Amino acid sequence: MLAFAGLGILLLGGVLAVVAFGGGGSSSASGGLISTSTCTEKEFPGLKPKHLNNPNAVVDYNSSPPSSGPHYQQPAPWGIYPDSIKETILVHNLEHGGIVVQYGPKVSQSDVAKIQSFYQDDPSGLVVAPFAELGSKIAATAWNEPPYSQNQDANFEQVDPGHGFVLTCTSFDKGALSDFRDKRRNKAGERYQSVKDMAPGQ
């Protein structure tokens, strides 16, 4: 059903898989930046976008995981991945208005299953993948900025890079992740006309 081109450069290793799991979750705060007993959202100055020819390029991002800035010229297809994806690739997904959810190797299998179930509930414009640097934490990232004009597309230096957002959680919090997704999705410079245009596999 899904067609994924060039996965060799997208993944650090392994095969793509989309898996359905049962739900779970908790509550979150509304208004301003999200803050709950398990999750904290931070805002970062947006870095100028720039297309890179090499996904292995070293970029000095201002947040971890990255939430804006230079990125590889091809994004990852929306979906769930069993292995890490290069951050330069995922930033391109953010530029298209996507939400990237990543989790460290010490996150419990129960919470990983809940993350995957969260994805299945509303998968448009989402990428889920491991990220070793997170350790025992879960993070969601988004890039919110004004939409690019045709003139700006020709010169990324003219772009208002807006702001990057990182929601970091010590355990799975469905309410906080849902709030982040609903508040931040499809609000980037190269956003889609509709969230429905961000279907899995595209």
Protein backbone atom coordinates (compact mmCIF):
# COMPACT_ATOMS: atom_id res chain seq x y z
CA MET A 1 0.00 0.00 0.00
CA LEU A 2 2.82 2.42 0.83
CA ALA A 3 5.51 3.37 -1.64
CA PHE A 4 8.73 4.55 -0.02
CA ALA A 5 11.52 5.58 -2.38
CA GLY A 6 15.12 5.84 -1.31
CA LEU A 7 14.76 4.33 2.16
CA GLY A 8 18.45 3.49 2.09
CA ILE A 9 19.28 7.15 2.77
CA LEU A 10 16.29 7.77 5.02
CA LEU A 11 17.04 5.15 7.63
CA LEU A 12 20.20 4.55 9.60
CA GLY A 13 19.30 0.86 9.18
CA GLY A 14 16.34 -1.48 9.17
CA VAL A 15 13.03 -1.79 7.41
CA LEU A 16 9.99 0.47 7.61
CA ALA A 17 6.95 -0.83 9.44
CA VAL A 18 3.58 0.61 10.34
CA VAL A 19 2.02 -1.12 13.33
CA ALA A 20 -1.26 -0.60 15.18
CA PHE A 21 -1.37 -0.71 18.97
CA GLY A 22 -3.86 0.05 21.71
CA GLY A 23 -4.36 3.52 23.20
CA GLY A 24 -3.53 5.31 26.40
CA GLY A 25 -2.86 8.85 27.57
CA SER A 26 -3.46 11.60 30.09
CA SER A 27 -4.37 15.27 30.33
CA SER A 28 -2.48 18.40 29.29
CA ALA A 29 -2.61 22.14 29.82
CA SER A 30 -4.16 24.51 27.28
CA GLY A 31 -3.15 28.03 26.30
CA GLY A 32 0.44 29.16 25.60
CA LEU A 33 3.17 26.58 25.71
CA ILE A 34 2.13 23.12 26.89
CA SER A 35 3.15 22.16 30.42
CA THR A 36 2.01 19.05 32.29
CA SER A 37 3.42 16.84 35.02
CA THR A 38 5.23 14.82 32.34
CA CYS A 39 5.67 17.17 29.34
CA THR A 40 7.19 20.60 28.74
CA GLU A 41 7.06 22.56 25.47
CA LYS A 42 9.84 24.99 24.54
CA GLU A 43 9.98 27.57 21.74
CA PHE A 44 13.14 28.29 19.75
CA PRO A 45 14.01 31.02 17.23
CA GLY A 46 13.52 29.67 13.72
CA LEU A 47 16.66 29.01 11.70
CA LYS A 48 16.70 29.91 8.00
CA PRO A 49 15.72 27.03 5.68
CA LYS A 50 18.22 25.76 3.14
CA HIS A 51 18.27 22.59 1.04
CA LEU A 52 21.29 20.36 1.54
CA ASN A 53 22.56 17.88 -1.06
CA ASN A 54 23.92 15.49 1.57
CA PRO A 55 21.74 13.98 4.33
CA ASN A 56 24.93 13.45 6.36
CA ALA A 57 25.72 17.18 6.44
CA VAL A 58 26.60 18.51 9.88
CA VAL A 59 24.21 21.29 10.92
CA ASP A 60 24.43 23.39 14.09
CA TYR A 61 20.76 23.22 15.12
CA ASN A 62 19.55 25.25 18.11
CA SER A 63 17.33 22.56 19.64
CA SER A 64 17.48 18.82 20.19
CA PRO A 65 15.75 17.26 18.43
CA PRO A 66 16.04 19.93 15.69
CA SER A 67 12.94 22.05 15.09
CA SER A 68 13.96 24.30 12.17
CA GLY A 69 16.82 25.12 9.83
CA PRO A 70 18.79 23.69 6.90
CA HIS A 71 17.70 20.23 5.80
CA TYR A 72 18.17 17.51 3.22
CA GLN A 73 16.33 18.14 -0.05
CA GLN A 74 13.99 15.12 0.33
CA PRO A 75 11.71 14.54 3.35
CA ALA A 76 10.82 11.12 4.73
CA PRO A 77 7.43 9.68 3.74
CA TRP A 78 4.93 10.09 6.58
CA GLY A 79 4.81 6.95 8.70
CA ILE A 80 6.24 4.88 11.54
CA TYR A 81 9.88 3.78 11.34
CA PRO A 82 11.57 1.10 13.47
CA ASP A 83 14.98 2.78 13.16
CA SER A 84 16.30 6.31 13.42
CA ILE A 85 16.02 8.74 10.51
CA LYS A 86 18.67 11.37 9.92
CA GLU A 87 17.65 14.63 11.56
CA THR A 88 18.47 16.61 8.40
CA ILE A 89 15.73 14.63 6.66
CA LEU A 90 13.17 15.08 9.43
CA VAL A 91 13.62 18.86 9.46
CA HIS A 92 12.34 18.84 5.88
CA ASN A 93 9.20 17.09 7.16
CA LEU A 94 8.83 19.92 9.67
CA GLU A 95 9.14 22.48 6.86
CA HIS A 96 6.12 20.81 5.22
CA GLY A 97 4.11 21.27 8.41
CA GLY A 98 4.66 17.81 9.82
CA ILE A 99 4.93 16.69 13.42
CA VAL A 100 7.87 14.41 14.25
CA VAL A 101 7.56 12.19 17.33
CA GLN A 102 10.78 10.52 18.51
CA TYR A 103 11.66 8.41 21.53
CA GLY A 104 14.84 7.24 23.20
CA PRO A 105 16.07 3.65 23.60
CA LYS A 106 15.17 3.62 27.31
CA VAL A 107 11.49 4.42 26.71
CA SER A 108 9.38 1.45 27.84
CA GLN A 109 7.85 -0.88 25.26
CA SER A 110 4.48 0.02 26.75
CA ASP A 111 5.02 3.70 25.98
CA VAL A 112 6.35 2.89 22.48
CA ALA A 113 3.14 0.95 21.81
CA LYS A 114 1.11 3.94 23.03
CA ILE A 115 3.06 6.27 20.72
CA GLN A 116 2.32 3.97 17.79
CA SER A 117 -1.37 3.87 18.74
CA PHE A 118 -1.36 7.69 18.95
CA TYR A 119 0.00 7.75 15.40
CA GLN A 120 -2.69 5.36 14.16
CA ASP A 121 -5.45 7.57 15.62
CA ASP A 122 -4.53 10.47 13.29
CA PRO A 123 -1.51 9.66 11.10
CA SER A 124 -1.63 12.52 8.58
CA GLY A 125 1.56 14.56 8.63
CA LEU A 126 3.24 12.48 11.33
CA VAL A 127 6.57 10.69 11.47
CA VAL A 128 7.40 8.40 14.40
CA ALA A 129 10.93 7.05 14.90
CA PRO A 130 13.53 6.27 17.58
CA PHE A 131 16.23 8.84 18.42
CA ALA A 132 19.10 7.59 20.56
CA GLU A 133 19.97 10.99 22.05
CA LEU A 134 16.61 11.15 23.86
CA GLY A 135 17.54 8.35 26.28
CA SER A 136 14.42 7.73 28.38
CA LYS A 137 12.44 10.68 26.95
CA ILE A 138 9.85 11.25 24.22
CA ALA A 139 9.90 14.39 22.05
CA ALA A 140 7.60 15.94 19.47
CA THR A 141 8.85 18.70 17.16
CA ALA A 142 7.19 21.24 14.87
CA TRP A 143 8.19 24.29 12.83
CA ASN A 144 5.65 27.13 12.68
CA GLU A 145 6.37 29.99 10.28
CA PRO A 146 4.59 32.18 7.71
CA PRO A 147 3.87 30.44 4.38
CA TYR A 148 6.52 30.97 1.71
CA SER A 149 5.67 33.06 -1.34
CA GLN A 150 6.88 32.15 -4.83
CA ASN A 151 9.48 34.93 -4.65
CA GLN A 152 10.73 33.66 -1.31
CA ASP A 153 11.05 30.12 -2.66
CA ALA A 154 13.73 31.37 -5.05
CA ASN A 155 15.75 32.86 -2.18
CA PHE A 156 15.44 31.25 1.24
CA GLU A 157 17.26 34.25 2.79
CA GLN A 158 14.03 36.24 2.37
CA VAL A 159 12.02 33.73 4.42
CA ASP A 160 10.72 34.55 7.90
CA PRO A 161 11.80 31.34 9.69
CA GLY A 162 9.24 31.72 12.48
CA HIS A 163 9.86 29.46 15.47
CA GLY A 164 10.62 25.83 16.24
CA PHE A 165 8.77 23.99 18.99
CA VAL A 166 9.88 20.97 21.01
CA LEU A 167 7.61 19.09 23.42
CA THR A 168 9.71 16.86 25.71
CA CYS A 169 8.03 14.21 27.86
CA THR A 170 9.33 11.88 30.55
CA SER A 171 6.56 9.40 29.73
CA PHE A 172 3.73 9.06 27.20
CA ASP A 173 1.09 11.78 27.63
CA LYS A 174 -1.68 11.46 25.04
CA GLY A 175 -3.29 14.76 26.00
CA ALA A 176 -0.08 16.78 25.65
CA LEU A 177 0.89 15.09 22.37
CA SER A 178 -2.61 15.59 20.96
CA ASP A 179 -2.58 19.28 21.93
CA PHE A 180 0.84 19.73 20.34
CA ARG A 181 -0.20 17.96 17.12
CA ASP A 182 -3.45 19.90 16.80
CA LYS A 183 -1.85 23.26 17.60
CA ARG A 184 1.35 22.98 15.55
CA ARG A 185 0.60 20.72 12.54
CA ASN A 186 0.50 22.17 9.00
CA LYS A 187 1.66 25.65 10.02
CA ALA A 188 5.10 25.72 8.36
CA GLY A 189 6.48 27.63 5.38
CA GLU A 190 5.78 24.89 2.83
CA ARG A 191 2.54 23.70 4.40
CA TYR A 192 -0.07 21.68 2.53
CA GLN A 193 -3.49 22.98 1.59
CA SER A 194 -5.05 20.47 3.97
CA VAL A 195 -3.86 18.01 6.61
CA LYS A 196 -5.59 15.34 4.49
CA ASP A 197 -2.90 15.93 1.83
CA MET A 198 -0.29 14.60 4.28
CA ALA A 199 -1.36 10.95 4.10
CA PRO A 200 0.92 8.12 5.26
CA GLY A 201 3.40 7.08 2.59
CA GLN A 202 3.43 10.44 0.82
